[in-house]
Each structure stands twice: as C-alpha cells, then as structure tokens.
Amino acid sequence: KEQVKATFCLVGTQARRHPDLVKKIAEGGHSFCNHSWNHDL
C-alpha cells in the first residue's frame, strides 16, 4: 500500500513450513536475508 520495499531475515524452519509466503515476499520485490536455520543464539 505504501509502495515500500523491505528486507526479510528468514529463519530456515519457517521458510520450509511456509514456502508460499517466501514466494510472496519475492513477488513483492523485497529482499532476503539469512537468519539461520532455527534461530540458534
């Protein structure tokens, strides 16, 4: 709505659970960032 692009730092387990949302992030023209597989501090 605001025509803003952002960067999404994705956790691998969430990306695997929700590939449809990963696609929507890409379709929106946003950037990807690796935030580890399962948020291991």
PDB file of all heavy atoms in Angstrom:
ATOM      1  N   LYS A   1       0.828  -1.210   0.000  1.00  0.00           N
ATOM      2  CA  LYS A   1       0.000   0.000   0.000  1.00  0.00           C
ATOM      3  C   LYS A   1       0.855   1.250   0.000  1.00  0.00           C
ATOM      4  O   LYS A   1       0.553   2.245  -0.678  1.00  0.00           O
ATOM      5  CB  LYS A   1      -0.922  -0.009   1.218  1.00  0.00           C
ATOM      6  CG  LYS A   1      -1.830   1.207   1.299  1.00  0.00           C
ATOM      7  CD  LYS A   1      -2.741   1.135   2.516  1.00  0.00           C
ATOM      8  CE  LYS A   1      -3.629   2.371   2.609  1.00  0.00           C
ATOM      9  NZ  LYS A   1      -4.521   2.319   3.805  1.00  0.00           N
ATOM     10  N   GLU A   2       1.953   1.226   0.739  1.00  0.00           N
ATOM     11  CA  GLU A   2       2.846   2.378   0.825  1.00  0.00           C
ATOM     12  C   GLU A   2       3.931   2.367  -0.252  1.00  0.00           C
ATOM     13  O   GLU A   2       4.766   3.265  -0.301  1.00  0.00           O
ATOM     14  CB  GLU A   2       3.507   2.419   2.207  1.00  0.00           C
ATOM     15  CG  GLU A   2       2.568   2.766   3.345  1.00  0.00           C
ATOM     16  CD  GLU A   2       2.047   4.189   3.275  1.00  0.00           C
ATOM     17  OE1 GLU A   2       2.802   5.082   2.827  1.00  0.00           O
ATOM     18  OE2 GLU A   2       0.886   4.406   3.655  1.00  0.00           O
ATOM     19  N   GLN A   3       3.939   1.335  -1.085  1.00  0.00           N
ATOM     20  CA  GLN A   3       4.958   1.158  -2.131  1.00  0.00           C
ATOM     21  C   GLN A   3       6.363   1.160  -1.524  1.00  0.00           C
ATOM     22  O   GLN A   3       7.287   1.797  -2.032  1.00  0.00           O
ATOM     23  CB  GLN A   3       4.827   2.238  -3.202  1.00  0.00           C
ATOM     24  CG  GLN A   3       3.529   2.143  -4.002  1.00  0.00           C
ATOM     25  CD  GLN A   3       3.485   3.135  -5.134  1.00  0.00           C
ATOM     26  OE1 GLN A   3       3.838   4.308  -4.987  1.00  0.00           O
ATOM     27  NE2 GLN A   3       3.058   2.679  -6.302  1.00  0.00           N
ATOM     28  N   VAL A   4       6.512   0.417  -0.446  1.00  0.00           N
ATOM     29  CA  VAL A   4       7.784   0.322   0.266  1.00  0.00           C
ATOM     30  C   VAL A   4       8.352  -1.080   0.116  1.00  0.00           C
ATOM     31  O   VAL A   4       7.621  -2.069   0.210  1.00  0.00           O
ATOM     32  CB  VAL A   4       7.589   0.650   1.770  1.00  0.00           C
ATOM     33  CG1 VAL A   4       8.831   0.276   2.578  1.00  0.00           C
ATOM     34  CG2 VAL A   4       7.256   2.127   1.948  1.00  0.00           C
ATOM     35  N   LYS A   5       9.640  -1.168  -0.134  1.00  0.00           N
ATOM     36  CA  LYS A   5      10.344  -2.444  -0.180  1.00  0.00           C
ATOM     37  C   LYS A   5      11.124  -2.608   1.123  1.00  0.00           C
ATOM     38  O   LYS A   5      11.684  -1.653   1.655  1.00  0.00           O
ATOM     39  CB  LYS A   5      11.305  -2.517  -1.369  1.00  0.00           C
ATOM     40  CG  LYS A   5      10.666  -2.192  -2.712  1.00  0.00           C
ATOM     41  CD  LYS A   5       9.501  -3.086  -3.036  1.00  0.00           C
ATOM     42  CE  LYS A   5       8.899  -2.714  -4.394  1.00  0.00           C
ATOM     43  NZ  LYS A   5       7.634  -3.435  -4.661  1.00  0.00           N
ATOM     44  N   ALA A   6      11.157  -3.839   1.627  1.00  0.00           N
ATOM     45  CA  ALA A   6      11.839  -4.114   2.884  1.00  0.00           C
ATOM     46  C   ALA A   6      12.739  -5.332   2.723  1.00  0.00           C
ATOM     47  O   ALA A   6      12.798  -5.944   1.653  1.00  0.00           O
ATOM     48  CB  ALA A   6      10.815  -4.349   3.996  1.00  0.00           C
ATOM     49  N   THR A   7      13.430  -5.684   3.791  1.00  0.00           N
ATOM     50  CA  THR A   7      14.300  -6.852   3.806  1.00  0.00           C
ATOM     51  C   THR A   7      13.795  -7.817   4.866  1.00  0.00           C
ATOM     52  O   THR A   7      13.597  -7.418   6.024  1.00  0.00           O
ATOM     53  CB  THR A   7      15.755  -6.438   4.106  1.00  0.00           C
ATOM     54  OG1 THR A   7      16.188  -5.528   3.097  1.00  0.00           O
ATOM     55  CG2 THR A   7      16.674  -7.658   4.129  1.00  0.00           C
ATOM     56  N   PHE A   8      13.584  -9.073   4.472  1.00  0.00           N
ATOM     57  CA  PHE A   8      13.061 -10.084   5.375  1.00  0.00           C
ATOM     58  C   PHE A   8      14.168 -11.067   5.741  1.00  0.00           C
ATOM     59  O   PHE A   8      14.712 -11.756   4.867  1.00  0.00           O
ATOM     60  CB  PHE A   8      11.880 -10.816   4.743  1.00  0.00           C
ATOM     61  CG  PHE A   8      10.617  -9.997   4.708  1.00  0.00           C
ATOM     62  CD1 PHE A   8      10.414  -9.026   3.729  1.00  0.00           C
ATOM     63  CD2 PHE A   8       9.627 -10.178   5.674  1.00  0.00           C
ATOM     64  CE1 PHE A   8       9.257  -8.260   3.703  1.00  0.00           C
ATOM     65  CE2 PHE A   8       8.465  -9.417   5.661  1.00  0.00           C
ATOM     66  CZ  PHE A   8       8.275  -8.452   4.675  1.00  0.00           C
ATOM     67  N   CYS A   9      14.499 -11.120   7.028  1.00  0.00           N
ATOM     68  CA  CYS A   9      15.518 -12.036   7.529  1.00  0.00           C
ATOM     69  C   CYS A   9      14.812 -13.309   7.980  1.00  0.00           C
ATOM     70  O   CYS A   9      14.217 -13.348   9.067  1.00  0.00           O
ATOM     71  CB  CYS A   9      16.287 -11.388   8.674  1.00  0.00           C
ATOM     72  SG  CYS A   9      17.166  -9.886   8.179  1.00  0.00           S
ATOM     73  N   LEU A  10      14.888 -14.345   7.144  1.00  0.00           N
ATOM     74  CA  LEU A  10      14.078 -15.547   7.344  1.00  0.00           C
ATOM     75  C   LEU A  10      14.808 -16.623   8.127  1.00  0.00           C
ATOM     76  O   LEU A  10      16.003 -16.861   7.941  1.00  0.00           O
ATOM     77  CB  LEU A  10      13.657 -16.115   5.989  1.00  0.00           C
ATOM     78  CG  LEU A  10      12.879 -15.179   5.059  1.00  0.00           C
ATOM     79  CD1 LEU A  10      12.406 -15.953   3.824  1.00  0.00           C
ATOM     80  CD2 LEU A  10      11.702 -14.534   5.775  1.00  0.00           C
ATOM     81  N   VAL A  11      14.067 -17.301   8.980  1.00  0.00           N
ATOM     82  CA  VAL A  11      14.549 -18.483   9.684  1.00  0.00           C
ATOM     83  C   VAL A  11      14.229 -19.694   8.809  1.00  0.00           C
ATOM     84  O   VAL A  11      13.120 -19.813   8.278  1.00  0.00           O
ATOM     85  CB  VAL A  11      13.871 -18.598  11.067  1.00  0.00           C
ATOM     86  CG1 VAL A  11      14.172 -19.941  11.724  1.00  0.00           C
ATOM     87  CG2 VAL A  11      14.321 -17.452  11.968  1.00  0.00           C
ATOM     88  N   GLY A  12      15.205 -20.588   8.649  1.00  0.00           N
ATOM     89  CA  GLY A  12      15.045 -21.705   7.724  1.00  0.00           C
ATOM     90  C   GLY A  12      13.850 -22.594   8.002  1.00  0.00           C
ATOM     91  O   GLY A  12      13.148 -23.021   7.077  1.00  0.00           O
ATOM     92  N   THR A  13      13.598 -22.901   9.281  1.00  0.00           N
ATOM     93  CA  THR A  13      12.463 -23.769   9.588  1.00  0.00           C
ATOM     94  C   THR A  13      11.146 -23.124   9.184  1.00  0.00           C
ATOM     95  O   THR A  13      10.227 -23.805   8.714  1.00  0.00           O
ATOM     96  CB  THR A  13      12.430 -24.093  11.088  1.00  0.00           C
ATOM     97  OG1 THR A  13      12.479 -22.866  11.848  1.00  0.00           O
ATOM     98  CG2 THR A  13      13.609 -24.979  11.485  1.00  0.00           C
ATOM     99  N   GLN A  14      11.049 -21.804   9.338  1.00  0.00           N
ATOM    100  CA  GLN A  14       9.834 -21.100   8.935  1.00  0.00           C
ATOM    101  C   GLN A  14       9.705 -21.041   7.413  1.00  0.00           C
ATOM    102  O   GLN A  14       8.600 -21.153   6.876  1.00  0.00           O
ATOM    103  CB  GLN A  14       9.823 -19.691   9.525  1.00  0.00           C
ATOM    104  CG  GLN A  14       9.622 -19.640  11.028  1.00  0.00           C
ATOM    105  CD  GLN A  14       8.301 -20.261  11.434  1.00  0.00           C
ATOM    106  OE1 GLN A  14       8.274 -21.377  11.970  1.00  0.00           O
ATOM    107  NE2 GLN A  14       7.221 -19.567  11.185  1.00  0.00           N
ATOM    108  N   ALA A  15      10.816 -20.859   6.725  1.00  0.00           N
ATOM    109  CA  ALA A  15      10.789 -20.850   5.263  1.00  0.00           C
ATOM    110  C   ALA A  15      10.335 -22.207   4.735  1.00  0.00           C
ATOM    111  O   ALA A  15       9.592 -22.289   3.753  1.00  0.00           O
ATOM    112  CB  ALA A  15      12.167 -20.498   4.714  1.00  0.00           C
ATOM    113  N   ARG A  16      10.789 -23.292   5.380  1.00  0.00           N
ATOM    114  CA  ARG A  16      10.387 -24.627   4.947  1.00  0.00           C
ATOM    115  C   ARG A  16       8.906 -24.861   5.214  1.00  0.00           C
ATOM    116  O   ARG A  16       8.215 -25.498   4.406  1.00  0.00           O
ATOM    117  CB  ARG A  16      11.223 -25.683   5.669  1.00  0.00           C
ATOM    118  CG  ARG A  16      10.969 -27.104   5.167  1.00  0.00           C
ATOM    119  CD  ARG A  16      11.849 -28.124   5.857  1.00  0.00           C
ATOM    120  NE  ARG A  16      11.498 -28.256   7.280  1.00  0.00           N
ATOM    121  CZ  ARG A  16      12.164 -29.051   8.117  1.00  0.00           C
ATOM    122  NH1 ARG A  16      13.237 -29.716   7.703  1.00  0.00           N
ATOM    123  NH2 ARG A  16      11.795 -29.138   9.379  1.00  0.00           N
ATOM    124  N   ARG A  17       8.398 -24.350   6.341  1.00  0.00           N
ATOM    125  CA  ARG A  17       6.984 -24.535   6.661  1.00  0.00           C
ATOM    126  C   ARG A  17       6.070 -23.723   5.751  1.00  0.00           C
ATOM    127  O   ARG A  17       4.944 -24.127   5.461  1.00  0.00           O
ATOM    128  CB  ARG A  17       6.707 -24.117   8.111  1.00  0.00           C
ATOM    129  CG  ARG A  17       7.224 -25.063   9.167  1.00  0.00           C
ATOM    130  CD  ARG A  17       6.728 -24.629  10.550  1.00  0.00           C
ATOM    131  NE  ARG A  17       7.299 -25.500  11.564  1.00  0.00           N
ATOM    132  CZ  ARG A  17       8.348 -25.195  12.320  1.00  0.00           C
ATOM    133  NH1 ARG A  17       8.956 -24.027  12.148  1.00  0.00           N
ATOM    134  NH2 ARG A  17       8.799 -26.042  13.226  1.00  0.00           N
ATOM    135  N   HIS A  18       6.547 -22.553   5.313  1.00  0.00           N
ATOM    136  CA  HIS A  18       5.669 -21.620   4.596  1.00  0.00           C
ATOM    137  C   HIS A  18       6.298 -21.136   3.290  1.00  0.00           C
ATOM    138  O   HIS A  18       6.542 -19.935   3.109  1.00  0.00           O
ATOM    139  CB  HIS A  18       5.346 -20.437   5.509  1.00  0.00           C
ATOM    140  CG  HIS A  18       4.813 -20.832   6.842  1.00  0.00           C
ATOM    141  ND1 HIS A  18       3.570 -21.412   7.004  1.00  0.00           N
ATOM    142  CD2 HIS A  18       5.376 -20.769   8.083  1.00  0.00           C
ATOM    143  CE1 HIS A  18       3.371 -21.672   8.287  1.00  0.00           C
ATOM    144  NE2 HIS A  18       4.450 -21.305   8.963  1.00  0.00           N
ATOM    145  N   PRO A  19       6.538 -22.040   2.346  1.00  0.00           N
ATOM    146  CA  PRO A  19       7.155 -21.633   1.072  1.00  0.00           C
ATOM    147  C   PRO A  19       6.284 -20.663   0.289  1.00  0.00           C
ATOM    148  O   PRO A  19       6.803 -19.853  -0.478  1.00  0.00           O
ATOM    149  CB  PRO A  19       7.333 -22.956   0.332  1.00  0.00           C
ATOM    150  CG  PRO A  19       6.331 -23.879   0.945  1.00  0.00           C
ATOM    151  CD  PRO A  19       6.255 -23.484   2.388  1.00  0.00           C
ATOM    152  N   ASP A  20       4.969 -20.730   0.488  1.00  0.00           N
ATOM    153  CA  ASP A  20       4.079 -19.802  -0.212  1.00  0.00           C
ATOM    154  C   ASP A  20       4.355 -18.365   0.201  1.00  0.00           C
ATOM    155  O   ASP A  20       4.294 -17.440  -0.630  1.00  0.00           O
ATOM    156  CB  ASP A  20       2.615 -20.157   0.056  1.00  0.00           C
ATOM    157  CG  ASP A  20       2.285 -20.190   1.551  1.00  0.00           C
ATOM    158  OD1 ASP A  20       3.134 -20.647   2.343  1.00  0.00           O
ATOM    159  OD2 ASP A  20       1.172 -19.774   1.934  1.00  0.00           O
ATOM    160  N   LEU A  21       4.693 -18.166   1.472  1.00  0.00           N
ATOM    161  CA  LEU A  21       4.986 -16.817   1.935  1.00  0.00           C
ATOM    162  C   LEU A  21       6.356 -16.347   1.461  1.00  0.00           C
ATOM    163  O   LEU A  21       6.547 -15.156   1.202  1.00  0.00           O
ATOM    164  CB  LEU A  21       4.913 -16.762   3.462  1.00  0.00           C
ATOM    165  CG  LEU A  21       3.515 -16.977   4.058  1.00  0.00           C
ATOM    166  CD1 LEU A  21       3.568 -16.921   5.577  1.00  0.00           C
ATOM    167  CD2 LEU A  21       2.532 -15.945   3.518  1.00  0.00           C
ATOM    168  N   VAL A  22       7.298 -17.273   1.341  1.00  0.00           N
ATOM    169  CA  VAL A  22       8.605 -16.920   0.780  1.00  0.00           C
ATOM    170  C   VAL A  22       8.406 -16.406  -0.647  1.00  0.00           C
ATOM    171  O   VAL A  22       9.004 -15.406  -1.057  1.00  0.00           O
ATOM    172  CB  VAL A  22       9.556 -18.132   0.796  1.00  0.00           C
ATOM    173  CG1 VAL A  22      10.908 -17.756   0.181  1.00  0.00           C
ATOM    174  CG2 VAL A  22       9.759 -18.634   2.233  1.00  0.00           C
ATOM    175  N   LYS A  23       7.547 -17.079  -1.393  1.00  0.00           N
ATOM    176  CA  LYS A  23       7.250 -16.647  -2.763  1.00  0.00           C
ATOM    177  C   LYS A  23       6.605 -15.269  -2.774  1.00  0.00           C
ATOM    178  O   LYS A  23       6.931 -14.416  -3.616  1.00  0.00           O
ATOM    179  CB  LYS A  23       6.320 -17.658  -3.436  1.00  0.00           C
ATOM    180  CG  LYS A  23       6.955 -19.004  -3.719  1.00  0.00           C
ATOM    181  CD  LYS A  23       5.940 -19.956  -4.341  1.00  0.00           C
ATOM    182  CE  LYS A  23       6.543 -21.336  -4.575  1.00  0.00           C
ATOM    183  NZ  LYS A  23       5.554 -22.299  -5.121  1.00  0.00           N
ATOM    184  N   LYS A  24       5.684 -15.014  -1.847  1.00  0.00           N
ATOM    185  CA  LYS A  24       5.005 -13.719  -1.810  1.00  0.00           C
ATOM    186  C   LYS A  24       5.967 -12.590  -1.467  1.00  0.00           C
ATOM    187  O   LYS A  24       5.838 -11.473  -1.971  1.00  0.00           O
ATOM    188  CB  LYS A  24       3.852 -13.763  -0.808  1.00  0.00           C
ATOM    189  CG  LYS A  24       2.658 -14.590  -1.285  1.00  0.00           C
ATOM    190  CD  LYS A  24       1.518 -14.553  -0.284  1.00  0.00           C
ATOM    191  CE  LYS A  24       0.326 -15.371  -0.793  1.00  0.00           C
ATOM    192  NZ  LYS A  24      -0.799 -15.361   0.177  1.00  0.00           N
ATOM    193  N   ILE A  25       6.934 -12.885  -0.603  1.00  0.00           N
ATOM    194  CA  ILE A  25       7.947 -11.877  -0.284  1.00  0.00           C
ATOM    195  C   ILE A  25       8.725 -11.520  -1.545  1.00  0.00           C
ATOM    196  O   ILE A  25       8.956 -10.341  -1.841  1.00  0.00           O
ATOM    197  CB  ILE A  25       8.892 -12.401   0.818  1.00  0.00           C
ATOM    198  CG1 ILE A  25       8.149 -12.493   2.151  1.00  0.00           C
ATOM    199  CG2 ILE A  25      10.120 -11.503   0.949  1.00  0.00           C
ATOM    200  CD1 ILE A  25       8.915 -13.218   3.239  1.00  0.00           C
ATOM    201  N   ALA A  26       9.110 -12.536  -2.305  1.00  0.00           N
ATOM    202  CA  ALA A  26       9.853 -12.290  -3.544  1.00  0.00           C
ATOM    203  C   ALA A  26       8.991 -11.557  -4.563  1.00  0.00           C
ATOM    204  O   ALA A  26       9.456 -10.626  -5.234  1.00  0.00           O
ATOM    205  CB  ALA A  26      10.340 -13.616  -4.123  1.00  0.00           C
ATOM    206  N   GLU A  27       7.731 -11.962  -4.676  1.00  0.00           N
ATOM    207  CA  GLU A  27       6.829 -11.328  -5.636  1.00  0.00           C
ATOM    208  C   GLU A  27       6.597  -9.854  -5.306  1.00  0.00           C
ATOM    209  O   GLU A  27       6.321  -9.044  -6.191  1.00  0.00           O
ATOM    210  CB  GLU A  27       5.494 -12.079  -5.665  1.00  0.00           C
ATOM    211  CG  GLU A  27       5.591 -13.459  -6.303  1.00  0.00           C
ATOM    212  CD  GLU A  27       4.354 -14.308  -6.073  1.00  0.00           C
ATOM    213  OE1 GLU A  27       3.427 -13.842  -5.340  1.00  0.00           O
ATOM    214  OE2 GLU A  27       4.302 -15.439  -6.586  1.00  0.00           O
ATOM    215  N   GLY A  28       6.732  -9.510  -4.026  1.00  0.00           N
ATOM    216  CA  GLY A  28       6.559  -8.115  -3.616  1.00  0.00           C
ATOM    217  C   GLY A  28       7.786  -7.264  -3.860  1.00  0.00           C
ATOM    218  O   GLY A  28       7.766  -6.056  -3.595  1.00  0.00           O
ATOM    219  N   GLY A  29       8.860  -7.885  -4.360  1.00  0.00           N
ATOM    220  CA  GLY A  29      10.073  -7.134  -4.657  1.00  0.00           C
ATOM    221  C   GLY A  29      10.951  -6.878  -3.451  1.00  0.00           C
ATOM    222  O   GLY A  29      11.834  -6.013  -3.487  1.00  0.00           O
ATOM    223  N   HIS A  30      10.742  -7.644  -2.382  1.00  0.00           N
ATOM    224  CA  HIS A  30      11.518  -7.460  -1.159  1.00  0.00           C
ATOM    225  C   HIS A  30      12.787  -8.301  -1.193  1.00  0.00           C
ATOM    226  O   HIS A  30      12.932  -9.214  -2.006  1.00  0.00           O
ATOM    227  CB  HIS A  30      10.660  -7.819   0.047  1.00  0.00           C
ATOM    228  CG  HIS A  30       9.363  -7.078   0.094  1.00  0.00           C
ATOM    229  ND1 HIS A  30       9.286  -5.725   0.353  1.00  0.00           N
ATOM    230  CD2 HIS A  30       8.083  -7.490  -0.133  1.00  0.00           C
ATOM    231  CE1 HIS A  30       8.018  -5.335   0.304  1.00  0.00           C
ATOM    232  NE2 HIS A  30       7.270  -6.388   0.002  1.00  0.00           N
ATOM    233  N   SER A  31      13.702  -8.001  -0.298  1.00  0.00           N
ATOM    234  CA  SER A  31      14.993  -8.675  -0.242  1.00  0.00           C
ATOM    235  C   SER A  31      14.988  -9.778   0.810  1.00  0.00           C
ATOM    236  O   SER A  31      14.264  -9.714   1.804  1.00  0.00           O
ATOM    237  CB  SER A  31      16.100  -7.679   0.096  1.00  0.00           C
ATOM    238  OG  SER A  31      16.130  -6.641  -0.848  1.00  0.00           O
ATOM    239  N   PHE A  32      15.861 -10.776   0.588  1.00  0.00           N
ATOM    240  CA  PHE A  32      16.021 -11.876   1.529  1.00  0.00           C
ATOM    241  C   PHE A  32      17.312 -11.730   2.319  1.00  0.00           C
ATOM    242  O   PHE A  32      18.345 -11.280   1.808  1.00  0.00           O
ATOM    243  CB  PHE A  32      16.054 -13.216   0.799  1.00  0.00           C
ATOM    244  CG  PHE A  32      14.733 -13.642   0.229  1.00  0.00           C
ATOM    245  CD1 PHE A  32      14.588 -13.858  -1.137  1.00  0.00           C
ATOM    246  CD2 PHE A  32      13.637 -13.848   1.050  1.00  0.00           C
ATOM    247  CE1 PHE A  32      13.377 -14.267  -1.674  1.00  0.00           C
ATOM    248  CE2 PHE A  32      12.414 -14.252   0.524  1.00  0.00           C
ATOM    249  CZ  PHE A  32      12.289 -14.461  -0.834  1.00  0.00           C
ATOM    250  N   CYS A  33      17.244 -12.164   3.572  1.00  0.00           N
ATOM    251  CA  CYS A  33      18.401 -12.215   4.457  1.00  0.00           C
ATOM    252  C   CYS A  33      18.329 -13.540   5.206  1.00  0.00           C
ATOM    253  O   CYS A  33      17.252 -13.983   5.617  1.00  0.00           O
ATOM    254  CB  CYS A  33      18.341 -11.030   5.421  1.00  0.00           C
ATOM    255  SG  CYS A  33      19.494 -11.098   6.815  1.00  0.00           S
ATOM    256  N   ASN A  34      19.471 -14.196   5.363  1.00  0.00           N
ATOM    257  CA  ASN A  34      19.561 -15.464   6.077  1.00  0.00           C
ATOM    258  C   ASN A  34      19.628 -15.181   7.580  1.00  0.00           C
ATOM    259  O   ASN A  34      20.510 -14.469   8.044  1.00  0.00           O
ATOM    260  CB  ASN A  34      20.820 -16.202   5.606  1.00  0.00           C
ATOM    261  CG  ASN A  34      20.987 -17.578   6.201  1.00  0.00           C
ATOM    262  OD1 ASN A  34      20.771 -17.791   7.388  1.00  0.00           O
ATOM    263  ND2 ASN A  34      21.409 -18.530   5.372  1.00  0.00           N
ATOM    264  N   HIS A  35      18.696 -15.779   8.348  1.00  0.00           N
ATOM    265  CA  HIS A  35      18.660 -15.555   9.799  1.00  0.00           C
ATOM    266  C   HIS A  35      18.848 -16.870  10.564  1.00  0.00           C
ATOM    267  O   HIS A  35      18.344 -17.014  11.667  1.00  0.00           O
ATOM    268  CB  HIS A  35      17.352 -14.881  10.192  1.00  0.00           C
ATOM    269  CG  HIS A  35      17.358 -14.227  11.547  1.00  0.00           C
ATOM    270  ND1 HIS A  35      18.460 -13.574  12.062  1.00  0.00           N
ATOM    271  CD2 HIS A  35      16.395 -14.116  12.498  1.00  0.00           C
ATOM    272  CE1 HIS A  35      18.166 -13.090  13.257  1.00  0.00           C
ATOM    273  NE2 HIS A  35      16.920 -13.423  13.559  1.00  0.00           N
ATOM    274  N   SER A  36      19.553 -17.807   9.935  1.00  0.00           N
ATOM    275  CA  SER A  36      19.899 -19.122  10.487  1.00  0.00           C
ATOM    276  C   SER A  36      18.744 -20.112  10.346  1.00  0.00           C
ATOM    277  O   SER A  36      17.618 -19.740  10.024  1.00  0.00           O
ATOM    278  CB  SER A  36      20.337 -19.034  11.958  1.00  0.00           C
ATOM    279  OG  SER A  36      19.236 -19.020  12.836  1.00  0.00           O
ATOM    280  N   TRP A  37      19.054 -21.379  10.603  1.00  0.00           N
ATOM    281  CA  TRP A  37      18.071 -22.439  10.411  1.00  0.00           C
ATOM    282  C   TRP A  37      16.984 -22.428  11.477  1.00  0.00           C
ATOM    283  O   TRP A  37      15.796 -22.481  11.172  1.00  0.00           O
ATOM    284  CB  TRP A  37      18.760 -23.807  10.371  1.00  0.00           C
ATOM    285  CG  TRP A  37      17.790 -24.923  10.221  1.00  0.00           C
ATOM    286  CD1 TRP A  37      17.435 -25.852  11.148  1.00  0.00           C
ATOM    287  CD2 TRP A  37      17.003 -25.216   9.052  1.00  0.00           C
ATOM    288  NE1 TRP A  37      16.482 -26.703  10.638  1.00  0.00           N
ATOM    289  CE2 TRP A  37      16.199 -26.334   9.350  1.00  0.00           C
ATOM    290  CE3 TRP A  37      16.907 -24.633   7.782  1.00  0.00           C
ATOM    291  CZ2 TRP A  37      15.317 -26.888   8.431  1.00  0.00           C
ATOM    292  CZ3 TRP A  37      16.016 -25.181   6.870  1.00  0.00           C
ATOM    293  CH2 TRP A  37      15.244 -26.298   7.194  1.00  0.00           C
ATOM    294  N   ASN A  38      17.377 -22.372  12.747  1.00  0.00           N
ATOM    295  CA  ASN A  38      16.363 -22.421  13.803  1.00  0.00           C
ATOM    296  C   ASN A  38      16.632 -21.417  14.920  1.00  0.00           C
ATOM    297  O   ASN A  38      16.319 -21.662  16.075  1.00  0.00           O
ATOM    298  CB  ASN A  38      16.252 -23.832  14.385  1.00  0.00           C
ATOM    299  CG  ASN A  38      17.555 -24.322  14.984  1.00  0.00           C
ATOM    300  OD1 ASN A  38      18.545 -23.585  14.989  1.00  0.00           O
ATOM    301  ND2 ASN A  38      17.565 -25.542  15.489  1.00  0.00           N
ATOM    302  N   HIS A  39      17.212 -20.286  14.552  1.00  0.00           N
ATOM    303  CA  HIS A  39      17.434 -19.176  15.479  1.00  0.00           C
ATOM    304  C   HIS A  39      18.305 -19.599  16.660  1.00  0.00           C
ATOM    305  O   HIS A  39      18.022 -19.286  17.826  1.00  0.00           O
ATOM    306  CB  HIS A  39      16.105 -18.603  15.970  1.00  0.00           C
ATOM    307  CG  HIS A  39      16.184 -17.143  16.351  1.00  0.00           C
ATOM    308  ND1 HIS A  39      16.517 -16.724  17.623  1.00  0.00           N
ATOM    309  CD2 HIS A  39      15.983 -16.018  15.626  1.00  0.00           C
ATOM    310  CE1 HIS A  39      16.511 -15.400  17.671  1.00  0.00           C
ATOM    311  NE2 HIS A  39      16.195 -14.948  16.472  1.00  0.00           N
ATOM    312  N   ASP A  40      19.390 -20.236  16.355  1.00  0.00           N
ATOM    313  CA  ASP A  40      20.339 -20.699  17.363  1.00  0.00           C
ATOM    314  C   ASP A  40      21.183 -19.520  17.841  1.00  0.00           C
ATOM    315  O   ASP A  40      22.034 -19.019  17.105  1.00  0.00           O
ATOM    316  CB  ASP A  40      21.226 -21.797  16.759  1.00  0.00           C
ATOM    317  CG  ASP A  40      22.266 -22.330  17.721  1.00  0.00           C
ATOM    318  OD1 ASP A  40      22.281 -21.896  18.896  1.00  0.00           O
ATOM    319  OD2 ASP A  40      23.071 -23.178  17.301  1.00  0.00           O
ATOM    320  N   LEU A  41      20.955 -19.089  19.077  1.00  0.00           N
ATOM    321  CA  LEU A  41      21.670 -17.927  19.599  1.00  0.00           C
ATOM    322  C   LEU A  41      23.167 -18.173  19.755  1.00  0.00           C
ATOM    323  O   LEU A  41      23.947 -17.223  19.865  1.00  0.00           O
ATOM    324  CB  LEU A  41      21.079 -17.510  20.949  1.00  0.00           C
ATOM    325  CG  LEU A  41      19.663 -16.930  20.918  1.00  0.00           C
ATOM    326  CD1 LEU A  41      19.155 -16.696  22.336  1.00  0.00           C
ATOM    327  CD2 LEU A  41      19.606 -15.637  20.122  1.00  0.00           C
TER     328      LEU A  41
END
